[in-house]
Amino acid sequence: MSTSVNILATITPKPDQVENTRQQLQTVAAASRQEPGCLRYDVFQGNRDGETTFHIVERYQDRAAVEVHGASQHFQALRERAADLLAKPWEIIFVQDVDVAL
């Protein structure tokens, strides 16, 4: 059984903060990919009921790597800016591998 940890996050920015949120997420993605134990950090943009959404697919080697990410300066900076950027709270779910191409 895999010990890796997968996270799916959905972020809904305020309408006037879409571009700023995109830039912030790209900065976090680039830094996160350099973290030890980060196996994947991809950002996608979509639309849900007329609202722009960003979806992040994360994969970490183990829980310890998730904790490193959560404590990182770049992630903490994003969390501090969330109230200014986001229209809704983040939606974060942890998922298990079922059929994953690696």
Protein backbone atom coordinates (compact mmCIF):
# COMPACT_ATOMS: atom_id res chain seq x y z
CA MET A 1 0.00 0.00 0.00
CA SER A 2 1.24 3.46 -0.94
CA THR A 3 2.16 5.86 1.84
CA SER A 4 1.90 8.85 -0.48
CA VAL A 5 -0.62 11.58 0.32
CA ASN A 6 -2.85 13.19 -2.31
CA ILE A 7 -4.66 16.48 -1.86
CA LEU A 8 -7.24 18.10 -4.11
CA ALA A 9 -7.90 21.76 -3.38
CA THR A 10 -10.44 24.10 -4.95
CA ILE A 11 -10.01 27.83 -4.60
CA THR A 12 -12.61 30.40 -5.66
CA PRO A 13 -11.13 33.89 -5.93
CA LYS A 14 -13.06 37.13 -5.70
CA PRO A 15 -13.91 38.32 -9.23
CA ASP A 16 -11.48 41.22 -9.02
CA GLN A 17 -8.71 38.97 -7.66
CA VAL A 18 -8.58 36.26 -10.35
CA GLU A 19 -5.31 37.37 -11.91
CA ASN A 20 -3.69 38.11 -8.56
CA THR A 21 -4.76 34.69 -7.26
CA ARG A 22 -3.39 33.00 -10.40
CA GLN A 23 -0.04 34.71 -9.89
CA GLN A 24 0.05 33.79 -6.19
CA LEU A 25 -0.74 30.15 -6.99
CA GLN A 26 1.94 29.98 -9.66
CA THR A 27 4.48 31.32 -7.16
CA VAL A 28 3.42 28.74 -4.57
CA ALA A 29 3.46 25.95 -7.17
CA ALA A 30 7.02 26.74 -8.25
CA ALA A 31 8.27 26.84 -4.66
CA SER A 32 6.28 23.75 -3.61
CA ARG A 33 7.77 21.66 -6.41
CA GLN A 34 11.19 22.29 -4.85
CA GLU A 35 10.16 20.95 -1.43
CA PRO A 36 11.57 17.57 -0.39
CA GLY A 37 8.85 14.98 -0.68
CA CYS A 38 6.64 16.96 -3.07
CA LEU A 39 5.93 14.62 -5.97
CA ARG A 40 3.34 16.73 -7.79
CA TYR A 41 1.87 20.21 -7.53
CA ASP A 42 -0.31 21.21 -10.47
CA VAL A 43 -2.66 24.18 -10.78
CA PHE A 44 -5.69 24.18 -13.09
CA GLN A 45 -8.24 26.91 -13.83
CA GLY A 46 -11.91 26.24 -14.33
CA ASN A 47 -15.36 27.70 -14.02
CA ARG A 48 -18.10 26.64 -11.62
CA ASP A 49 -21.52 28.24 -11.92
CA GLY A 50 -20.04 31.33 -13.57
CA GLU A 51 -17.24 31.73 -11.03
CA THR A 52 -13.56 31.27 -11.82
CA THR A 53 -12.07 28.42 -9.82
CA PHE A 54 -8.57 27.11 -9.38
CA HIS A 55 -7.94 23.44 -8.70
CA ILE A 56 -4.70 22.17 -7.23
CA VAL A 57 -3.60 18.55 -7.45
CA GLU A 58 -0.90 17.77 -4.90
CA ARG A 59 0.99 14.55 -4.21
CA TYR A 60 3.49 14.12 -1.41
CA GLN A 61 5.79 11.28 -0.46
CA ASP A 62 4.24 11.02 3.02
CA ARG A 63 2.53 12.96 5.82
CA ALA A 64 5.82 14.49 6.90
CA ALA A 65 6.18 16.11 3.47
CA VAL A 66 2.65 17.54 3.79
CA GLU A 67 3.64 19.06 7.13
CA VAL A 68 6.77 20.60 5.57
CA HIS A 69 4.58 22.13 2.87
CA GLY A 70 2.05 23.45 5.38
CA ALA A 71 4.79 25.14 7.39
CA SER A 72 6.59 26.58 4.36
CA GLN A 73 6.99 30.32 4.03
CA HIS A 74 5.36 30.41 0.58
CA PHE A 75 2.27 28.50 1.74
CA GLN A 76 1.94 30.58 4.90
CA ALA A 77 2.14 33.76 2.82
CA LEU A 78 -0.73 32.51 0.65
CA ARG A 79 -2.80 31.65 3.73
CA GLU A 80 -2.26 35.17 5.10
CA ARG A 81 -3.50 36.68 1.83
CA ALA A 82 -6.50 34.33 1.50
CA ALA A 83 -9.01 36.72 3.08
CA ASP A 84 -8.13 39.39 0.51
CA LEU A 85 -8.12 36.98 -2.44
CA LEU A 86 -10.88 34.43 -1.90
CA ALA A 87 -14.65 34.63 -2.30
CA LYS A 88 -15.16 31.35 -0.39
CA PRO A 89 -13.18 29.18 2.00
CA TRP A 90 -10.78 26.71 0.42
CA GLU A 91 -12.15 23.27 -0.30
CA ILE A 92 -9.51 20.69 0.55
CA ILE A 93 -9.89 16.94 0.44
CA PHE A 94 -7.43 14.11 0.96
CA VAL A 95 -7.84 11.24 -1.51
CA GLN A 96 -6.31 7.77 -1.81
CA ASP A 97 -4.83 6.15 -4.89
CA VAL A 98 -7.18 3.83 -6.77
CA ASP A 99 -5.80 3.76 -10.32
CA VAL A 100 -3.00 6.30 -10.78
CA ALA A 101 -0.56 6.53 -13.67
CA LEU A 102 2.80 7.56 -12.28
